Amino acid sequence: MSPLDEFEESLEEQYKTEMESIYFYMEEVANLRSLPRTKFRELKGVKGNIKEYEFKSKHLRVYAIKQPNCKLVVMCGYKNSQNEDINKFRALKKQYIISQKK
């Protein structure tokens, strides 16, 4: 089960409409439509050439990376654990990059 599936399965009912909104934002970005920074932004402080992004709602965050011809959702979290989640996200990203080089 992916981190996204696990997160979605554990979501409390009150956050399910926010998750649907984030899926809508993701679809918009995939279709090359722009969103305000309050809904989607590139994370700063990225090392390397793989960009990091954050989709946002009031309480939820979804973190993704972009490579040529590929976008990958890596992890989800809550606004109140954002800093810790970004650190976990970057660790998962590093593992992914290492696994792609093998």
PDB file of N, CA and C in Angstrom:
ATOM      1  N   MET A   1       0.851  -1.177   0.000  1.00  0.00           N
ATOM      2  CA  MET A   1       0.000   0.000   0.000  1.00  0.00           C
ATOM      3  C   MET A   1       0.895   1.238   0.000  1.00  0.00           C
ATOM      4  N   SER A   2       0.574   2.193  -0.848  1.00  0.00           N
ATOM      5  CA  SER A   2       1.388   3.410  -0.950  1.00  0.00           C
ATOM      6  C   SER A   2       1.121   4.342   0.233  1.00  0.00           C
ATOM      7  N   PRO A   3       2.056   5.255   0.516  1.00  0.00           N
ATOM      8  CA  PRO A   3       1.819   6.235   1.583  1.00  0.00           C
ATOM      9  C   PRO A   3       0.536   7.043   1.353  1.00  0.00           C
ATOM     10  N   LEU A   4       0.220   7.345   0.095  1.00  0.00           N
ATOM     11  CA  LEU A   4      -1.010   8.081  -0.204  1.00  0.00           C
ATOM     12  C   LEU A   4      -2.234   7.255   0.173  1.00  0.00           C
ATOM     13  N   ASP A   5      -2.237   5.969  -0.196  1.00  0.00           N
ATOM     14  CA  ASP A   5      -3.354   5.093   0.158  1.00  0.00           C
ATOM     15  C   ASP A   5      -3.502   4.962   1.668  1.00  0.00           C
ATOM     16  N   GLU A   6      -2.392   4.778   2.351  1.00  0.00           N
ATOM     17  CA  GLU A   6      -2.425   4.649   3.808  1.00  0.00           C
ATOM     18  C   GLU A   6      -2.979   5.915   4.449  1.00  0.00           C
ATOM     19  N   PHE A   7      -2.520   7.061   3.968  1.00  0.00           N
ATOM     20  CA  PHE A   7      -2.985   8.327   4.522  1.00  0.00           C
ATOM     21  C   PHE A   7      -4.483   8.491   4.290  1.00  0.00           C
ATOM     22  N   GLU A   8      -4.907   8.236   3.068  1.00  0.00           N
ATOM     23  CA  GLU A   8      -6.319   8.414   2.734  1.00  0.00           C
ATOM     24  C   GLU A   8      -7.198   7.465   3.556  1.00  0.00           C
ATOM     25  N   GLU A   9      -6.743   6.252   3.748  1.00  0.00           N
ATOM     26  CA  GLU A   9      -7.499   5.270   4.530  1.00  0.00           C
ATOM     27  C   GLU A   9      -7.642   5.692   5.989  1.00  0.00           C
ATOM     28  N   SER A  10      -6.632   6.386   6.520  1.00  0.00           N
ATOM     29  CA  SER A  10      -6.659   6.802   7.923  1.00  0.00           C
ATOM     30  C   SER A  10      -7.343   8.154   8.143  1.00  0.00           C
ATOM     31  N   LEU A  11      -7.733   8.822   7.075  1.00  0.00           N
ATOM     32  CA  LEU A  11      -8.333  10.155   7.199  1.00  0.00           C
ATOM     33  C   LEU A  11      -9.647  10.123   7.973  1.00  0.00           C
ATOM     34  N   GLU A  12      -9.792  11.079   8.859  1.00  0.00           N
ATOM     35  CA  GLU A  12     -11.066  11.239   9.553  1.00  0.00           C
ATOM     36  C   GLU A  12     -12.072  11.817   8.562  1.00  0.00           C
ATOM     37  N   GLU A  13     -13.320  11.529   8.784  1.00  0.00           N
ATOM     38  CA  GLU A  13     -14.400  11.944   7.875  1.00  0.00           C
ATOM     39  C   GLU A  13     -14.358  13.449   7.587  1.00  0.00           C
ATOM     40  N   GLN A  14     -14.052  14.253   8.587  1.00  0.00           N
ATOM     41  CA  GLN A  14     -14.064  15.705   8.430  1.00  0.00           C
ATOM     42  C   GLN A  14     -13.053  16.219   7.402  1.00  0.00           C
ATOM     43  N   TYR A  15     -12.037  15.403   7.057  1.00  0.00           N
ATOM     44  CA  TYR A  15     -11.012  15.842   6.115  1.00  0.00           C
ATOM     45  C   TYR A  15     -11.185  15.276   4.707  1.00  0.00           C
ATOM     46  N   LYS A  16     -12.170  14.434   4.514  1.00  0.00           N
ATOM     47  CA  LYS A  16     -12.329  13.775   3.214  1.00  0.00           C
ATOM     48  C   LYS A  16     -12.650  14.752   2.090  1.00  0.00           C
ATOM     49  N   THR A  17     -13.439  15.780   2.341  1.00  0.00           N
ATOM     50  CA  THR A  17     -13.719  16.759   1.277  1.00  0.00           C
ATOM     51  C   THR A  17     -12.469  17.569   0.946  1.00  0.00           C
ATOM     52  N   GLU A  18     -11.622  17.813   1.947  1.00  0.00           N
ATOM     53  CA  GLU A  18     -10.358  18.499   1.663  1.00  0.00           C
ATOM     54  C   GLU A  18      -9.473  17.638   0.774  1.00  0.00           C
ATOM     55  N   MET A  19      -9.464  16.335   1.006  1.00  0.00           N
ATOM     56  CA  MET A  19      -8.656  15.440   0.177  1.00  0.00           C
ATOM     57  C   MET A  19      -9.186  15.441  -1.248  1.00  0.00           C
ATOM     58  N   GLU A  20     -10.493  15.480  -1.411  1.00  0.00           N
ATOM     59  CA  GLU A  20     -11.078  15.566  -2.758  1.00  0.00           C
ATOM     60  C   GLU A  20     -10.637  16.855  -3.443  1.00  0.00           C
ATOM     61  N   SER A  21     -10.567  17.949  -2.687  1.00  0.00           N
ATOM     62  CA  SER A  21     -10.094  19.219  -3.252  1.00  0.00           C
ATOM     63  C   SER A  21      -8.646  19.097  -3.710  1.00  0.00           C
ATOM     64  N   ILE A  22      -7.823  18.438  -2.924  1.00  0.00           N
ATOM     65  CA  ILE A  22      -6.421  18.266  -3.296  1.00  0.00           C
ATOM     66  C   ILE A  22      -6.311  17.425  -4.567  1.00  0.00           C
ATOM     67  N   TYR A  23      -7.134  16.382  -4.686  1.00  0.00           N
ATOM     68  CA  TYR A  23      -7.135  15.601  -5.928  1.00  0.00           C
ATOM     69  C   TYR A  23      -7.516  16.473  -7.118  1.00  0.00           C
ATOM     70  N   PHE A  24      -8.445  17.383  -6.909  1.00  0.00           N
ATOM     71  CA  PHE A  24      -8.819  18.325  -7.970  1.00  0.00           C
ATOM     72  C   PHE A  24      -7.622  19.210  -8.325  1.00  0.00           C
ATOM     73  N   TYR A  25      -6.919  19.725  -7.326  1.00  0.00           N
ATOM     74  CA  TYR A  25      -5.737  20.563  -7.581  1.00  0.00           C
ATOM     75  C   TYR A  25      -4.691  19.785  -8.369  1.00  0.00           C
ATOM     76  N   MET A  26      -4.515  18.533  -7.995  1.00  0.00           N
ATOM     77  CA  MET A  26      -3.529  17.697  -8.686  1.00  0.00           C
ATOM     78  C   MET A  26      -3.926  17.510 -10.154  1.00  0.00           C
ATOM     79  N   GLU A  27      -5.182  17.308 -10.394  1.00  0.00           N
ATOM     80  CA  GLU A  27      -5.673  17.158 -11.771  1.00  0.00           C
ATOM     81  C   GLU A  27      -5.457  18.450 -12.559  1.00  0.00           C
ATOM     82  N   GLU A  28      -5.717  19.569 -11.933  1.00  0.00           N
ATOM     83  CA  GLU A  28      -5.516  20.861 -12.591  1.00  0.00           C
ATOM     84  C   GLU A  28      -4.047  21.043 -12.993  1.00  0.00           C
ATOM     85  N   VAL A  29      -3.137  20.762 -12.083  1.00  0.00           N
ATOM     86  CA  VAL A  29      -1.702  20.892 -12.372  1.00  0.00           C
ATOM     87  C   VAL A  29      -1.304  19.915 -13.474  1.00  0.00           C
ATOM     88  N   ALA A  30      -1.828  18.693 -13.419  1.00  0.00           N
ATOM     89  CA  ALA A  30      -1.514  17.695 -14.450  1.00  0.00           C
ATOM     90  C   ALA A  30      -1.985  18.158 -15.829  1.00  0.00           C
ATOM     91  N   ASN A  31      -3.042  18.959 -15.853  1.00  0.00           N
ATOM     92  CA  ASN A  31      -3.566  19.494 -17.114  1.00  0.00           C
ATOM     93  C   ASN A  31      -3.006  20.880 -17.432  1.00  0.00           C
ATOM     94  N   LEU A  32      -1.895  21.209 -16.778  1.00  0.00           N
ATOM     95  CA  LEU A  32      -1.134  22.448 -17.029  1.00  0.00           C
ATOM     96  C   LEU A  32      -1.924  23.725 -16.738  1.00  0.00           C
ATOM     97  N   ARG A  33      -2.831  23.640 -15.791  1.00  0.00           N
ATOM     98  CA  ARG A  33      -3.547  24.839 -15.334  1.00  0.00           C
ATOM     99  C   ARG A  33      -2.849  25.353 -14.083  1.00  0.00           C
ATOM    100  N   SER A  34      -2.749  26.646 -13.961  1.00  0.00           N
ATOM    101  CA  SER A  34      -2.060  27.195 -12.795  1.00  0.00           C
ATOM    102  C   SER A  34      -3.031  27.339 -11.623  1.00  0.00           C
ATOM    103  N   LEU A  35      -2.458  27.261 -10.447  1.00  0.00           N
ATOM    104  CA  LEU A  35      -3.199  27.404  -9.197  1.00  0.00           C
ATOM    105  C   LEU A  35      -2.530  28.477  -8.360  1.00  0.00           C
ATOM    106  N   PRO A  36      -3.292  29.105  -7.466  1.00  0.00           N
ATOM    107  CA  PRO A  36      -2.650  30.078  -6.563  1.00  0.00           C
ATOM    108  C   PRO A  36      -1.685  29.375  -5.617  1.00  0.00           C
ATOM    109  N   ARG A  37      -0.720  30.131  -5.135  1.00  0.00           N
ATOM    110  CA  ARG A  37       0.285  29.601  -4.212  1.00  0.00           C
ATOM    111  C   ARG A  37      -0.331  29.037  -2.936  1.00  0.00           C
ATOM    112  N   THR A  38      -1.530  29.475  -2.609  1.00  0.00           N
ATOM    113  CA  THR A  38      -2.208  28.966  -1.416  1.00  0.00           C
ATOM    114  C   THR A  38      -2.699  27.535  -1.610  1.00  0.00           C
ATOM    115  N   LYS A  39      -2.689  27.044  -2.856  1.00  0.00           N
ATOM    116  CA  LYS A  39      -3.149  25.691  -3.163  1.00  0.00           C
ATOM    117  C   LYS A  39      -2.028  24.775  -3.657  1.00  0.00           C
ATOM    118  N   PHE A  40      -0.995  25.364  -4.265  1.00  0.00           N
ATOM    119  CA  PHE A  40       0.084  24.587  -4.863  1.00  0.00           C
ATOM    120  C   PHE A  40       1.326  25.454  -4.933  1.00  0.00           C
ATOM    121  N   ARG A  41       2.449  24.902  -4.481  1.00  0.00           N
ATOM    122  CA  ARG A  41       3.699  25.676  -4.537  1.00  0.00           C
ATOM    123  C   ARG A  41       4.885  24.752  -4.663  1.00  0.00           C
ATOM    124  N   GLU A  42       5.956  25.306  -5.209  1.00  0.00           N
ATOM    125  CA  GLU A  42       7.232  24.599  -5.252  1.00  0.00           C
ATOM    126  C   GLU A  42       7.917  24.832  -3.913  1.00  0.00           C
ATOM    127  N   LEU A  43       8.441  23.774  -3.333  1.00  0.00           N
ATOM    128  CA  LEU A  43       9.161  23.909  -2.069  1.00  0.00           C
ATOM    129  C   LEU A  43      10.545  24.485  -2.336  1.00  0.00           C
ATOM    130  N   LYS A  44      10.992  25.316  -1.457  1.00  0.00           N
ATOM    131  CA  LYS A  44      12.310  25.946  -1.573  1.00  0.00           C
ATOM    132  C   LYS A  44      13.354  25.121  -0.839  1.00  0.00           C
ATOM    133  N   GLY A  45      14.606  25.404  -1.122  1.00  0.00           N
ATOM    134  CA  GLY A  45      15.706  24.728  -0.447  1.00  0.00           C
ATOM    135  C   GLY A  45      15.984  23.335  -0.993  1.00  0.00           C
ATOM    136  N   VAL A  46      15.618  23.117  -2.239  1.00  0.00           N
ATOM    137  CA  VAL A  46      15.788  21.800  -2.847  1.00  0.00           C
ATOM    138  C   VAL A  46      17.205  21.643  -3.368  1.00  0.00           C
ATOM    139  N   LYS A  47      17.821  20.513  -3.036  1.00  0.00           N
ATOM    140  CA  LYS A  47      19.143  20.196  -3.569  1.00  0.00           C
ATOM    141  C   LYS A  47      18.952  19.181  -4.681  1.00  0.00           C
ATOM    142  N   GLY A  48      19.664  19.341  -5.773  1.00  0.00           N
ATOM    143  CA  GLY A  48      19.529  18.428  -6.899  1.00  0.00           C
ATOM    144  C   GLY A  48      18.549  18.976  -7.929  1.00  0.00           C
ATOM    145  N   ASN A  49      18.308  18.183  -8.953  1.00  0.00           N
ATOM    146  CA  ASN A  49      17.489  18.675 -10.056  1.00  0.00           C
ATOM    147  C   ASN A  49      16.056  18.144 -10.040  1.00  0.00           C
ATOM    148  N   ILE A  50      15.669  17.417  -9.000  1.00  0.00           N
ATOM    149  CA  ILE A  50      14.295  16.930  -8.895  1.00  0.00           C
ATOM    150  C   ILE A  50      13.504  17.917  -8.047  1.00  0.00           C
ATOM    151  N   LYS A  51      12.539  18.565  -8.664  1.00  0.00           N
ATOM    152  CA  LYS A  51      11.754  19.584  -7.971  1.00  0.00           C
ATOM    153  C   LYS A  51      10.766  18.952  -7.005  1.00  0.00           C
ATOM    154  N   GLU A  52      10.475  19.702  -5.934  1.00  0.00           N
ATOM    155  CA  GLU A  52       9.534  19.267  -4.907  1.00  0.00           C
ATOM    156  C   GLU A  52       8.352  20.233  -4.877  1.00  0.00           C
ATOM    157  N   TYR A  53       7.165  19.661  -4.676  1.00  0.00           N
ATOM    158  CA  TYR A  53       5.949  20.464  -4.667  1.00  0.00           C
ATOM    159  C   TYR A  53       5.060  20.100  -3.496  1.00  0.00           C
ATOM    160  N   GLU A  54       4.214  21.054  -3.128  1.00  0.00           N
ATOM    161  CA  GLU A  54       3.260  20.852  -2.047  1.00  0.00           C
ATOM    162  C   GLU A  54       1.882  21.295  -2.525  1.00  0.00           C
ATOM    163  N   PHE A  55       0.905  20.390  -2.435  1.00  0.00           N
ATOM    164  CA  PHE A  55      -0.492  20.722  -2.652  1.00  0.00           C
ATOM    165  C   PHE A  55      -1.080  20.980  -1.274  1.00  0.00           C
ATOM    166  N   LYS A  56      -1.910  22.040  -1.162  1.00  0.00           N
ATOM    167  CA  LYS A  56      -2.360  22.447   0.165  1.00  0.00           C
ATOM    168  C   LYS A  56      -3.872  22.666   0.214  1.00  0.00           C
ATOM    169  N   SER A  57      -4.449  22.282   1.351  1.00  0.00           N
ATOM    170  CA  SER A  57      -5.806  22.672   1.709  1.00  0.00           C
ATOM    171  C   SER A  57      -5.708  23.273   3.107  1.00  0.00           C
ATOM    172  N   LYS A  58      -6.816  23.514   3.725  1.00  0.00           N
ATOM    173  CA  LYS A  58      -6.772  24.149   5.044  1.00  0.00           C
ATOM    174  C   LYS A  58      -5.958  23.321   6.045  1.00  0.00           C
ATOM    175  N   HIS A  59      -6.191  22.009   6.091  1.00  0.00           N
ATOM    176  CA  HIS A  59      -5.532  21.159   7.079  1.00  0.00           C
ATOM    177  C   HIS A  59      -4.577  20.120   6.503  1.00  0.00           C
ATOM    178  N   LEU A  60      -4.647  19.873   5.198  1.00  0.00           N
ATOM    179  CA  LEU A  60      -3.898  18.773   4.597  1.00  0.00           C
ATOM    180  C   LEU A  60      -2.795  19.254   3.668  1.00  0.00           C
ATOM    181  N   ARG A  61      -1.765  18.429   3.538  1.00  0.00           N
ATOM    182  CA  ARG A  61      -0.658  18.685   2.622  1.00  0.00           C
ATOM    183  C   ARG A  61      -0.340  17.391   1.874  1.00  0.00           C
ATOM    184  N   VAL A  62      -0.055  17.516   0.578  1.00  0.00           N
ATOM    185  CA  VAL A  62       0.392  16.377  -0.223  1.00  0.00           C
ATOM    186  C   VAL A  62       1.687  16.801  -0.892  1.00  0.00           C
ATOM    187  N   TYR A  63       2.728  15.992  -0.743  1.00  0.00           N
ATOM    188  CA  TYR A  63       4.047  16.316  -1.270  1.00  0.00           C
ATOM    189  C   TYR A  63       4.357  15.452  -2.476  1.00  0.00           C
ATOM    190  N   ALA A  64       4.933  16.070  -3.495  1.00  0.00           N
ATOM    191  CA  ALA A  64       5.207  15.374  -4.751  1.00  0.00           C
ATOM    192  C   ALA A  64       6.549  15.828  -5.306  1.00  0.00           C
ATOM    193  N   ILE A  65       7.077  15.001  -6.202  1.00  0.00           N
ATOM    194  CA  ILE A  65       8.296  15.357  -6.919  1.00  0.00           C
ATOM    195  C   ILE A  65       8.012  15.324  -8.410  1.00  0.00           C
ATOM    196  N   LYS A  66       8.860  16.004  -9.162  1.00  0.00           N
ATOM    197  CA  LYS A  66       8.733  16.010 -10.619  1.00  0.00           C
ATOM    198  C   LYS A  66      10.080  15.692 -11.226  1.00  0.00           C
ATOM    199  N   GLN A  67      10.043  14.729 -12.133  1.00  0.00           N
ATOM    200  CA  GLN A  67      11.191  14.384 -12.949  1.00  0.00           C
ATOM    201  C   GLN A  67      10.754  14.543 -14.397  1.00  0.00           C
ATOM    202  N   PRO A  68      11.658  14.536 -15.338  1.00  0.00           N
ATOM    203  CA  PRO A  68      11.243  14.607 -16.744  1.00  0.00           C
ATOM    204  C   PRO A  68      10.221  13.510 -17.061  1.00  0.00           C
ATOM    205  N   ASN A  69       9.094  13.909 -17.625  1.00  0.00           N
ATOM    206  CA  ASN A  69       8.014  12.999 -18.028  1.00  0.00           C
ATOM    207  C   ASN A  69       7.401  12.205 -16.881  1.00  0.00           C
ATOM    208  N   CYS A  70       7.550  12.667 -15.666  1.00  0.00           N
ATOM    209  CA  CYS A  70       7.022  11.907 -14.531  1.00  0.00           C
ATOM    210  C   CYS A  70       6.736  12.829 -13.350  1.00  0.00           C
ATOM    211  N   LYS A  71       5.562  12.654 -12.755  1.00  0.00           N
ATOM    212  CA  LYS A  71       5.237  13.312 -11.490  1.00  0.00           C
ATOM    213  C   LYS A  71       4.855  12.204 -10.524  1.00  0.00           C
ATOM    214  N   LEU A  72       5.323  12.315  -9.311  1.00  0.00           N
ATOM    215  CA  LEU A  72       5.132  11.247  -8.359  1.00  0.00           C
ATOM    216  C   LEU A  72       4.718  11.819  -7.011  1.00  0.00           C
ATOM    217  N   VAL A  73       3.567  11.382  -6.504  1.00  0.00           N
ATOM    218  CA  VAL A  73       3.149  11.760  -5.162  1.00  0.00           C
ATOM    219  C   VAL A  73       3.895  10.870  -4.189  1.00  0.00           C
ATOM    220  N   VAL A  74       4.519  11.505  -3.222  1.00  0.00           N
ATOM    221  CA  VAL A  74       5.360  10.749  -2.311  1.00  0.00           C
ATOM    222  C   VAL A  74       4.700  10.563  -0.951  1.00  0.00           C
ATOM    223  N   MET A  75       4.037  11.602  -0.446  1.00  0.00           N
ATOM    224  CA  MET A  75       3.540  11.505   0.910  1.00  0.00           C
ATOM    225  C   MET A  75       2.502  12.558   1.206  1.00  0.00           C
ATOM    226  N   CYS A  76       1.708  12.302   2.227  1.00  0.00           N
ATOM    227  CA  CYS A  76       0.662  13.231   2.663  1.00  0.00           C
ATOM    228  C   CYS A  76       0.809  13.489   4.156  1.00  0.00           C
ATOM    229  N   GLY A  77       0.254  14.603   4.600  1.00  0.00           N
ATOM    230  CA  GLY A  77       0.308  14.919   6.021  1.00  0.00           C
ATOM    231  C   GLY A  77      -0.640  16.044   6.371  1.00  0.00           C
ATOM    232  N   TYR A  78      -0.546  16.467   7.602  1.00  0.00           N
ATOM    233  CA  TYR A  78      -1.390  17.542   8.118  1.00  0.00           C
ATOM    234  C   TYR A  78      -0.572  18.817   8.274  1.00  0.00           C
ATOM    235  N   LYS A  79      -1.258  19.938   8.212  1.00  0.00           N
ATOM    236  CA  LYS A  79      -0.588  21.229   8.337  1.00  0.00           C
ATOM    237  C   LYS A  79       0.188  21.315   9.656  1.00  0.00           C
ATOM    238  N   ASN A  80      -0.394  20.792  10.729  1.00  0.00           N
ATOM    239  CA  ASN A  80       0.252  20.931  12.037  1.00  0.00           C
ATOM    240  C   ASN A  80       1.514  20.077  12.204  1.00  0.00           C
ATOM    241  N   SER A  81       1.785  19.180  11.250  1.00  0.00           N
ATOM    242  CA  SER A  81       3.032  18.391  11.299  1.00  0.00           C
ATOM    243  C   SER A  81       3.876  18.618  10.043  1.00  0.00           C
ATOM    244  N   GLN A  82       3.683  19.766   9.431  1.00  0.00           N
ATOM    245  CA  GLN A  82       4.287  20.084   8.136  1.00  0.00           C
ATOM    246  C   GLN A  82       5.809  19.962   8.126  1.00  0.00           C
ATOM    247  N   ASN A  83       6.493  20.539   9.086  1.00  0.00           N
ATOM    248  CA  ASN A  83       7.966  20.495   9.083  1.00  0.00           C
ATOM    249  C   ASN A  83       8.484  19.069   9.203  1.00  0.00           C
ATOM    250  N   GLU A  84       7.906  18.292  10.093  1.00  0.00           N
ATOM    251  CA  GLU A  84       8.295  16.891  10.254  1.00  0.00           C
ATOM    252  C   GLU A  84       7.975  16.099   8.981  1.00  0.00           C
ATOM    253  N   ASP A  85       6.819  16.369   8.387  1.00  0.00           N
ATOM    254  CA  ASP A  85       6.416  15.661   7.173  1.00  0.00           C
ATOM    255  C   ASP A  85       7.346  15.967   6.003  1.00  0.00           C
ATOM    256  N   ILE A  86       7.780  17.208   5.883  1.00  0.00           N
ATOM    257  CA  ILE A  86       8.695  17.570   4.795  1.00  0.00           C
ATOM    258  C   ILE A  86      10.017  16.822   4.961  1.00  0.00           C
ATOM    259  N   ASN A  87      10.484  16.683   6.198  1.00  0.00           N
ATOM    260  CA  ASN A  87      11.710  15.913   6.433  1.00  0.00           C
ATOM    261  C   ASN A  87      11.535  14.451   6.035  1.00  0.00           C
ATOM    262  N   LYS A  88      10.400  13.846   6.389  1.00  0.00           N
ATOM    263  CA  LYS A  88      10.111  12.461   5.995  1.00  0.00           C
ATOM    264  C   LYS A  88      10.006  12.353   4.481  1.00  0.00           C
ATOM    265  N   PHE A  89       9.333  13.317   3.875  1.00  0.00           N
ATOM    266  CA  PHE A  89       9.169  13.360   2.420  1.00  0.00           C
ATOM    267  C   PHE A  89      10.528  13.377   1.730  1.00  0.00           C
ATOM    268  N   ARG A  90      11.419  14.202   2.212  1.00  0.00           N
ATOM    269  CA  ARG A  90      12.744  14.296   1.592  1.00  0.00           C
ATOM    270  C   ARG A  90      13.547  13.013   1.789  1.00  0.00           C
ATOM    271  N   ALA A  91      13.369  12.338   2.913  1.00  0.00           N
ATOM    272  CA  ALA A  91      14.034  11.047   3.120  1.00  0.00           C
ATOM    273  C   ALA A  91      13.493  10.006   2.138  1.00  0.00           C
ATOM    274  N   LEU A  92      12.178   9.988   1.918  1.00  0.00           N
ATOM    275  CA  LEU A  92      11.583   9.075   0.940  1.00  0.00           C
ATOM    276  C   LEU A  92      12.054   9.395  -0.471  1.00  0.00           C
ATOM    277  N   LYS A  93      12.156  10.671  -0.759  1.00  0.00           N
ATOM    278  CA  LYS A  93      12.646  11.101  -2.079  1.00  0.00           C
ATOM    279  C   LYS A  93      14.069  10.598  -2.289  1.00  0.00           C
ATOM    280  N   LYS A  94      14.896  10.721  -1.273  1.00  0.00           N
ATOM    281  CA  LYS A  94      16.288  10.261  -1.375  1.00  0.00           C
ATOM    282  C   LYS A  94      16.340   8.759  -1.629  1.00  0.00           C
ATOM    283  N   GLN A  95      15.516   7.990  -0.906  1.00  0.00           N
ATOM    284  CA  GLN A  95      15.457   6.539  -1.124  1.00  0.00           C
ATOM    285  C   GLN A  95      15.019   6.228  -2.552  1.00  0.00           C
ATOM    286  N   TYR A  96      14.054   6.961  -3.049  1.00  0.00           N
ATOM    287  CA  TYR A  96      13.566   6.753  -4.413  1.00  0.00           C
ATOM    288  C   TYR A  96      14.672   7.005  -5.427  1.00  0.00           C
ATOM    289  N   ILE A  97      15.393   8.106  -5.259  1.00  0.00           N
ATOM    290  CA  ILE A  97      16.477   8.457  -6.188  1.00  0.00           C
ATOM    291  C   ILE A  97      17.549   7.365  -6.189  1.00  0.00           C
ATOM    292  N   ILE A  98      17.908   6.894  -5.006  1.00  0.00           N
ATOM    293  CA  ILE A  98      18.912   5.827  -4.895  1.00  0.00           C
ATOM    294  C   ILE A  98      18.416   4.567  -5.601  1.00  0.00           C
ATOM    295  N   SER A  99      17.163   4.224  -5.403  1.00  0.00           N
ATOM    296  CA  SER A  99      16.624   3.000  -6.026  1.00  0.00           C
ATOM    297  C   SER A  99      16.573   3.121  -7.551  1.00  0.00           C
ATOM    298  N   GLN A 100      16.412   4.319  -8.083  1.00  0.00           N
ATOM    299  CA  GLN A 100      16.365   4.520  -9.529  1.00  0.00           C
ATOM    300  C   GLN A 100      17.739   4.387 -10.178  1.00  0.00           C
ATOM    301  N   LYS A 101      18.789   4.569  -9.394  1.00  0.00           N
ATOM    302  CA  LYS A 101      20.158   4.502  -9.931  1.00  0.00           C
ATOM    303  C   LYS A 101      20.649   3.060 -10.016  1.00  0.00           C
ATOM    304  N   LYS A 102      19.962   2.137  -9.365  1.00  0.00           N
ATOM    305  CA  LYS A 102      20.407   0.728  -9.365  1.00  0.00           C
ATOM    306  C   LYS A 102      20.041   0.031 -10.633  1.00  0.00           C
TER     307      LYS A 102
END
